[in-house]
């Protein structure tokens, strides 16, 4: 699936955001007020698009309805943004890309993990290594949709584990996901990786909710 130049230009691209959590802002900043008050465990976040039309239709179509063609398009857009991000030296170049994992039961029901599909495309286009085996979701938590921030944190506490922490020692990592809403899922996954010995964790998502 390819977009014409006009359609690509009409996508809701981020113009200015917080470098720490990718929250859209009137002017770019290293950290927004929320991150200054309560810094997330990840050091930087990349989200080239804002989660609004048509992205708010494209991502659910890929995520819940097996629209793999749309997934490849989203992976391409994220990979191009990541390549530009790496050239700017905003954050350490990741040693490894890790897709946010799904619990095995939920993945069996859906048939695929959209974060892994994105990570695989980004890895192929940036020549970075994708390691889906180094972060596991060990608890079958409730879906995050519809939960407030406090309930999301409680829902995800202890949800992730690292089966081979030795593979993460002093490594710079990038977590890959489709969309960041409150950042709770990505924060809990990042915290798990840092406890396992990672040097730093950054987050790469296709889109960020405003």
C-alpha atoms as a PDB file:
ATOM      1  CA  UNK A   1       0.000   0.000   0.000  1.00  0.00           C
ATOM      2  CA  UNK A   2       1.432   3.337  -1.055  1.00  0.00           C
ATOM      3  CA  UNK A   3       0.136   6.820  -0.328  1.00  0.00           C
ATOM      4  CA  UNK A   4       0.303   9.545  -2.930  1.00  0.00           C
ATOM      5  CA  UNK A   5       2.259  12.652  -1.926  1.00  0.00           C
ATOM      6  CA  UNK A   6      -0.925  14.619  -1.272  1.00  0.00           C
ATOM      7  CA  UNK A   7      -2.476  11.980   1.001  1.00  0.00           C
ATOM      8  CA  UNK A   8       0.776  11.559   2.916  1.00  0.00           C
ATOM      9  CA  UNK A   9       1.038  15.318   3.402  1.00  0.00           C
ATOM     10  CA  UNK A  10      -2.533  15.387   4.740  1.00  0.00           C
ATOM     11  CA  UNK A  11      -1.795  12.921   7.539  1.00  0.00           C
ATOM     12  CA  UNK A  12      -1.858  14.429  11.059  1.00  0.00           C
ATOM     13  CA  UNK A  13       1.909  14.745  11.455  1.00  0.00           C
ATOM     14  CA  UNK A  14       3.408  15.887  14.740  1.00  0.00           C
ATOM     15  CA  UNK A  15       4.641  19.469  14.409  1.00  0.00           C
ATOM     16  CA  UNK A  16       5.874  20.089  17.957  1.00  0.00           C
ATOM     17  CA  UNK A  17       5.921  17.764  20.937  1.00  0.00           C
ATOM     18  CA  UNK A  18       7.613  16.753  24.171  1.00  0.00           C
ATOM     19  CA  UNK A  19      10.779  14.798  23.403  1.00  0.00           C
ATOM     20  CA  UNK A  20      10.290  12.725  26.558  1.00  0.00           C
ATOM     21  CA  UNK A  21       6.723  11.471  25.963  1.00  0.00           C
ATOM     22  CA  UNK A  22       5.812  12.766  22.455  1.00  0.00           C
ATOM     23  CA  UNK A  23       2.775  14.659  23.768  1.00  0.00           C
ATOM     24  CA  UNK A  24       1.730  17.250  21.132  1.00  0.00           C
ATOM     25  CA  UNK A  25       2.572  20.769  22.313  1.00  0.00           C
ATOM     26  CA  UNK A  26       2.244  24.309  20.930  1.00  0.00           C
ATOM     27  CA  UNK A  27       6.057  24.461  20.847  1.00  0.00           C
ATOM     28  CA  UNK A  28       8.649  21.696  20.960  1.00  0.00           C
ATOM     29  CA  UNK A  29      10.202  21.073  24.372  1.00  0.00           C
ATOM     30  CA  UNK A  30      12.641  18.633  25.918  1.00  0.00           C
ATOM     31  CA  UNK A  31      10.008  17.823  28.554  1.00  0.00           C
ATOM     32  CA  UNK A  32       6.384  18.823  29.004  1.00  0.00           C
ATOM     33  CA  UNK A  33       4.982  19.875  32.376  1.00  0.00           C
ATOM     34  CA  UNK A  34       3.692  16.374  33.044  1.00  0.00           C
ATOM     35  CA  UNK A  35       7.124  14.818  32.465  1.00  0.00           C
ATOM     36  CA  UNK A  36       8.821  17.447  34.635  1.00  0.00           C
ATOM     37  CA  UNK A  37       6.423  16.640  37.456  1.00  0.00           C
ATOM     38  CA  UNK A  38       6.482  12.842  37.077  1.00  0.00           C
ATOM     39  CA  UNK A  39       9.188  11.675  34.633  1.00  0.00           C
ATOM     40  CA  UNK A  40       8.391   8.394  32.868  1.00  0.00           C
ATOM     41  CA  UNK A  41      10.998   5.613  33.031  1.00  0.00           C
ATOM     42  CA  UNK A  42      11.696   5.864  29.297  1.00  0.00           C
ATOM     43  CA  UNK A  43      14.093   8.628  28.282  1.00  0.00           C
ATOM     44  CA  UNK A  44      12.662   9.687  24.900  1.00  0.00           C
ATOM     45  CA  UNK A  45       9.644   9.011  22.725  1.00  0.00           C
ATOM     46  CA  UNK A  46       9.124   9.152  18.971  1.00  0.00           C
ATOM     47  CA  UNK A  47       5.571   9.279  17.579  1.00  0.00           C
ATOM     48  CA  UNK A  48       5.462  10.846  14.112  1.00  0.00           C
ATOM     49  CA  UNK A  49       1.661  11.039  13.896  1.00  0.00           C
ATOM     50  CA  UNK A  50      -1.153  12.347  16.087  1.00  0.00           C
ATOM     51  CA  UNK A  51      -3.923   9.859  16.811  1.00  0.00           C
ATOM     52  CA  UNK A  52      -6.743  11.499  14.906  1.00  0.00           C
ATOM     53  CA  UNK A  53      -8.430  11.003  11.526  1.00  0.00           C
ATOM     54  CA  UNK A  54      -7.512   9.022   9.498  1.00  0.00           C
ATOM     55  CA  UNK A  55      -4.897   7.443  11.800  1.00  0.00           C
ATOM     56  CA  UNK A  56      -7.577   6.679  14.403  1.00  0.00           C
ATOM     57  CA  UNK A  57      -9.231   4.477  11.758  1.00  0.00           C
ATOM     58  CA  UNK A  58      -6.083   2.984  10.229  1.00  0.00           C
ATOM     59  CA  UNK A  59      -4.540   1.696  13.472  1.00  0.00           C
ATOM     60  CA  UNK A  60      -7.686  -0.133  14.724  1.00  0.00           C
ATOM     61  CA  UNK A  61      -8.148  -1.669  11.260  1.00  0.00           C
ATOM     62  CA  UNK A  62      -4.614  -3.049  11.457  1.00  0.00           C
ATOM     63  CA  UNK A  63      -4.756  -3.929  15.147  1.00  0.00           C
ATOM     64  CA  UNK A  64      -8.120  -5.672  15.364  1.00  0.00           C
ATOM     65  CA  UNK A  65      -9.092  -6.644  11.809  1.00  0.00           C
ATOM     66  CA  UNK A  66      -5.930  -8.175  10.352  1.00  0.00           C
ATOM     67  CA  UNK A  67      -5.454  -5.432   7.761  1.00  0.00           C
ATOM     68  CA  UNK A  68      -1.834  -6.318   7.084  1.00  0.00           C
ATOM     69  CA  UNK A  69      -1.544  -3.955   4.122  1.00  0.00           C
ATOM     70  CA  UNK A  70      -2.319  -1.045   6.429  1.00  0.00           C
ATOM     71  CA  UNK A  71       0.173  -2.461   8.920  1.00  0.00           C
ATOM     72  CA  UNK A  72       2.939  -2.390   6.335  1.00  0.00           C
ATOM     73  CA  UNK A  73       2.112   1.223   5.526  1.00  0.00           C
ATOM     74  CA  UNK A  74       2.237   2.189   9.211  1.00  0.00           C
ATOM     75  CA  UNK A  75       5.499   0.282   9.632  1.00  0.00           C
ATOM     76  CA  UNK A  76       6.983   2.144   6.690  1.00  0.00           C
ATOM     77  CA  UNK A  77       5.941   5.527   8.123  1.00  0.00           C
ATOM     78  CA  UNK A  78       7.401   4.667  11.531  1.00  0.00           C
ATOM     79  CA  UNK A  79      10.618   3.359   9.970  1.00  0.00           C
ATOM     80  CA  UNK A  80      11.104   6.543   7.941  1.00  0.00           C
ATOM     81  CA  UNK A  81      10.519   8.668  11.055  1.00  0.00           C
ATOM     82  CA  UNK A  82      12.932   6.487  13.040  1.00  0.00           C
ATOM     83  CA  UNK A  83      15.654   6.836  10.396  1.00  0.00           C
ATOM     84  CA  UNK A  84      15.303  10.616  10.543  1.00  0.00           C
ATOM     85  CA  UNK A  85      15.258  10.491  14.375  1.00  0.00           C
ATOM     86  CA  UNK A  86      18.525   8.526  14.427  1.00  0.00           C
ATOM     87  CA  UNK A  87      20.213  11.050  12.133  1.00  0.00           C
ATOM     88  CA  UNK A  88      19.348  13.855  14.555  1.00  0.00           C
ATOM     89  CA  UNK A  89      21.156  12.169  17.498  1.00  0.00           C
ATOM     90  CA  UNK A  90      18.286  13.035  19.846  1.00  0.00           C
ATOM     91  CA  UNK A  91      18.734   9.803  21.815  1.00  0.00           C
ATOM     92  CA  UNK A  92      21.260   6.948  21.859  1.00  0.00           C
ATOM     93  CA  UNK A  93      21.012   4.678  18.837  1.00  0.00           C
ATOM     94  CA  UNK A  94      19.239   1.556  20.112  1.00  0.00           C
ATOM     95  CA  UNK A  95      21.155  -1.691  20.207  1.00  0.00           C
ATOM     96  CA  UNK A  96      17.888  -3.635  20.012  1.00  0.00           C
ATOM     97  CA  UNK A  97      14.246  -3.104  19.057  1.00  0.00           C
ATOM     98  CA  UNK A  98      11.713  -4.788  21.350  1.00  0.00           C
ATOM     99  CA  UNK A  99       8.022  -4.944  20.419  1.00  0.00           C
ATOM    100  CA  UNK A 100       5.618  -4.548  23.315  1.00  0.00           C
ATOM    101  CA  UNK A 101       4.482  -8.150  23.881  1.00  0.00           C
ATOM    102  CA  UNK A 102       0.975  -9.524  24.140  1.00  0.00           C
ATOM    103  CA  UNK A 103       0.013 -12.316  26.516  1.00  0.00           C
ATOM    104  CA  UNK A 104       0.146 -15.630  24.662  1.00  0.00           C
ATOM    105  CA  UNK A 105      -3.617 -16.238  25.111  1.00  0.00           C
ATOM    106  CA  UNK A 106      -4.562 -12.876  23.624  1.00  0.00           C
ATOM    107  CA  UNK A 107      -2.091 -13.275  20.791  1.00  0.00           C
ATOM    108  CA  UNK A 108      -3.496 -16.718  20.040  1.00  0.00           C
ATOM    109  CA  UNK A 109      -6.979 -15.196  19.840  1.00  0.00           C
ATOM    110  CA  UNK A 110      -5.882 -12.354  17.547  1.00  0.00           C
ATOM    111  CA  UNK A 111      -3.374 -14.381  15.575  1.00  0.00           C
ATOM    112  CA  UNK A 112      -0.615 -11.771  15.570  1.00  0.00           C
ATOM    113  CA  UNK A 113       0.986  -9.008  17.628  1.00  0.00           C
ATOM    114  CA  UNK A 114       0.715  -5.668  15.835  1.00  0.00           C
ATOM    115  CA  UNK A 115       3.738  -4.286  17.732  1.00  0.00           C
ATOM    116  CA  UNK A 116       5.909  -7.128  16.458  1.00  0.00           C
ATOM    117  CA  UNK A 117       4.728  -6.569  12.877  1.00  0.00           C
ATOM    118  CA  UNK A 118       5.713  -2.891  13.171  1.00  0.00           C
ATOM    119  CA  UNK A 119       9.038  -3.691  14.845  1.00  0.00           C
ATOM    120  CA  UNK A 120       9.924  -6.167  12.123  1.00  0.00           C
ATOM    121  CA  UNK A 121       9.340  -3.534   9.420  1.00  0.00           C
ATOM    122  CA  UNK A 122      11.322  -0.901  11.317  1.00  0.00           C
ATOM    123  CA  UNK A 123      14.205  -3.330  11.882  1.00  0.00           C
ATOM    124  CA  UNK A 124      14.341  -4.238   8.189  1.00  0.00           C
ATOM    125  CA  UNK A 125      14.426  -0.602   7.108  1.00  0.00           C
ATOM    126  CA  UNK A 126      16.906   0.658   9.742  1.00  0.00           C
ATOM    127  CA  UNK A 127      19.237  -2.370   9.946  1.00  0.00           C
ATOM    128  CA  UNK A 128      18.582  -2.654  13.688  1.00  0.00           C
ATOM    129  CA  UNK A 129      18.059  -5.984  15.420  1.00  0.00           C
ATOM    130  CA  UNK A 130      14.533  -6.933  16.541  1.00  0.00           C
ATOM    131  CA  UNK A 131      14.362  -9.217  19.620  1.00  0.00           C
ATOM    132  CA  UNK A 132      10.766 -10.109  20.513  1.00  0.00           C
ATOM    133  CA  UNK A 133      12.012 -12.843  22.847  1.00  0.00           C
ATOM    134  CA  UNK A 134      13.599 -10.546  25.448  1.00  0.00           C
ATOM    135  CA  UNK A 135      10.397  -9.102  26.934  1.00  0.00           C
ATOM    136  CA  UNK A 136       7.375 -11.209  27.861  1.00  0.00           C
ATOM    137  CA  UNK A 137       3.880 -10.413  29.053  1.00  0.00           C
ATOM    138  CA  UNK A 138       3.372 -12.899  31.831  1.00  0.00           C
ATOM    139  CA  UNK A 139      -0.047 -11.757  33.064  1.00  0.00           C
ATOM    140  CA  UNK A 140      -3.271 -11.778  31.049  1.00  0.00           C
ATOM    141  CA  UNK A 141      -4.400  -8.323  32.122  1.00  0.00           C
ATOM    142  CA  UNK A 142      -7.675  -6.612  31.292  1.00  0.00           C
ATOM    143  CA  UNK A 143      -7.750  -4.517  28.096  1.00  0.00           C
ATOM    144  CA  UNK A 144      -6.497  -0.998  28.805  1.00  0.00           C
ATOM    145  CA  UNK A 145      -9.237   0.656  26.768  1.00  0.00           C
ATOM    146  CA  UNK A 146     -11.782   2.369  28.992  1.00  0.00           C
ATOM    147  CA  UNK A 147      -9.543   2.408  32.096  1.00  0.00           C
ATOM    148  CA  UNK A 148      -8.324   5.657  33.636  1.00  0.00           C
ATOM    149  CA  UNK A 149      -4.609   6.221  34.296  1.00  0.00           C
ATOM    150  CA  UNK A 150      -4.713   4.903  37.875  1.00  0.00           C
ATOM    151  CA  UNK A 151      -6.605   1.761  36.873  1.00  0.00           C
ATOM    152  CA  UNK A 152      -4.206   1.220  33.957  1.00  0.00           C
ATOM    153  CA  UNK A 153      -1.222   1.316  36.323  1.00  0.00           C
ATOM    154  CA  UNK A 154      -2.826  -1.149  38.715  1.00  0.00           C
ATOM    155  CA  UNK A 155      -3.829  -3.412  35.842  1.00  0.00           C
ATOM    156  CA  UNK A 156      -0.280  -3.639  34.489  1.00  0.00           C
ATOM    157  CA  UNK A 157       1.701  -3.916  37.710  1.00  0.00           C
ATOM    158  CA  UNK A 158       4.042  -6.886  37.335  1.00  0.00           C
ATOM    159  CA  UNK A 159       2.659  -7.750  33.899  1.00  0.00           C
ATOM    160  CA  UNK A 160       6.055  -8.006  32.157  1.00  0.00           C
ATOM    161  CA  UNK A 161       9.210 -10.029  32.680  1.00  0.00           C
ATOM    162  CA  UNK A 162      12.612 -10.468  31.024  1.00  0.00           C
ATOM    163  CA  UNK A 163      13.481 -14.145  30.483  1.00  0.00           C
ATOM    164  CA  UNK A 164      17.123 -13.427  29.585  1.00  0.00           C
ATOM    165  CA  UNK A 165      18.262 -10.347  31.538  1.00  0.00           C
ATOM    166  CA  UNK A 166      21.890 -11.016  30.611  1.00  0.00           C
ATOM    167  CA  UNK A 167      21.014 -10.099  27.010  1.00  0.00           C
ATOM    168  CA  UNK A 168      19.902  -6.636  28.164  1.00  0.00           C
ATOM    169  CA  UNK A 169      22.876  -5.598  30.300  1.00  0.00           C
ATOM    170  CA  UNK A 170      24.004  -2.052  29.437  1.00  0.00           C
ATOM    171  CA  UNK A 171      22.017  -2.129  26.185  1.00  0.00           C
ATOM    172  CA  UNK A 172      20.154   0.858  24.772  1.00  0.00           C
ATOM    173  CA  UNK A 173      16.670  -0.297  23.798  1.00  0.00           C
ATOM    174  CA  UNK A 174      13.734   1.003  21.772  1.00  0.00           C
ATOM    175  CA  UNK A 175      10.252  -0.276  22.594  1.00  0.00           C
ATOM    176  CA  UNK A 176       7.929  -0.463  19.590  1.00  0.00           C
ATOM    177  CA  UNK A 177       4.144  -0.086  19.773  1.00  0.00           C
ATOM    178  CA  UNK A 178       1.288   1.208  17.649  1.00  0.00           C
ATOM    179  CA  UNK A 179      -0.049   4.089  19.757  1.00  0.00           C
ATOM    180  CA  UNK A 180       0.751   5.762  23.070  1.00  0.00           C
ATOM    181  CA  UNK A 181      -2.213   6.997  25.091  1.00  0.00           C
ATOM    182  CA  UNK A 182      -1.318   7.517  28.751  1.00  0.00           C
ATOM    183  CA  UNK A 183       2.080   5.836  28.417  1.00  0.00           C
ATOM    184  CA  UNK A 184       1.318   3.443  31.282  1.00  0.00           C
ATOM    185  CA  UNK A 185       1.922   0.250  29.279  1.00  0.00           C
ATOM    186  CA  UNK A 186       5.153   1.561  27.811  1.00  0.00           C
ATOM    187  CA  UNK A 187       6.207   2.884  31.201  1.00  0.00           C
ATOM    188  CA  UNK A 188       5.705  -0.467  32.938  1.00  0.00           C
ATOM    189  CA  UNK A 189       7.531  -2.308  30.153  1.00  0.00           C
ATOM    190  CA  UNK A 190      10.387   0.218  30.311  1.00  0.00           C
ATOM    191  CA  UNK A 191      10.624  -0.121  34.085  1.00  0.00           C
ATOM    192  CA  UNK A 192      10.908  -3.909  33.725  1.00  0.00           C
ATOM    193  CA  UNK A 193      13.707  -3.576  31.165  1.00  0.00           C
ATOM    194  CA  UNK A 194      15.646  -1.072  33.275  1.00  0.00           C
ATOM    195  CA  UNK A 195      15.370  -3.310  36.338  1.00  0.00           C
ATOM    196  CA  UNK A 196      16.785  -6.122  34.186  1.00  0.00           C
ATOM    197  CA  UNK A 197      19.897  -4.033  33.458  1.00  0.00           C
ATOM    198  CA  UNK A 198      19.156  -2.006  30.309  1.00  0.00           C
ATOM    199  CA  UNK A 199      21.167   1.206  30.009  1.00  0.00           C
ATOM    200  CA  UNK A 200      18.230   3.174  28.602  1.00  0.00           C
ATOM    201  CA  UNK A 201      14.823   2.688  27.020  1.00  0.00           C
ATOM    202  CA  UNK A 202      13.182   4.900  24.438  1.00  0.00           C
ATOM    203  CA  UNK A 203       9.771   4.472  22.855  1.00  0.00           C
ATOM    204  CA  UNK A 204       8.873   4.445  19.148  1.00  0.00           C
ATOM    205  CA  UNK A 205       5.162   4.485  18.296  1.00  0.00           C
ATOM    206  CA  UNK A 206       3.254   5.251  15.136  1.00  0.00           C
ATOM    207  CA  UNK A 207       0.982   7.769  16.874  1.00  0.00           C
ATOM    208  CA  UNK A 208       0.373   9.674  20.097  1.00  0.00           C
ATOM    209  CA  UNK A 209      -3.000  10.682  21.470  1.00  0.00           C
ATOM    210  CA  UNK A 210      -3.264  14.430  22.109  1.00  0.00           C
END
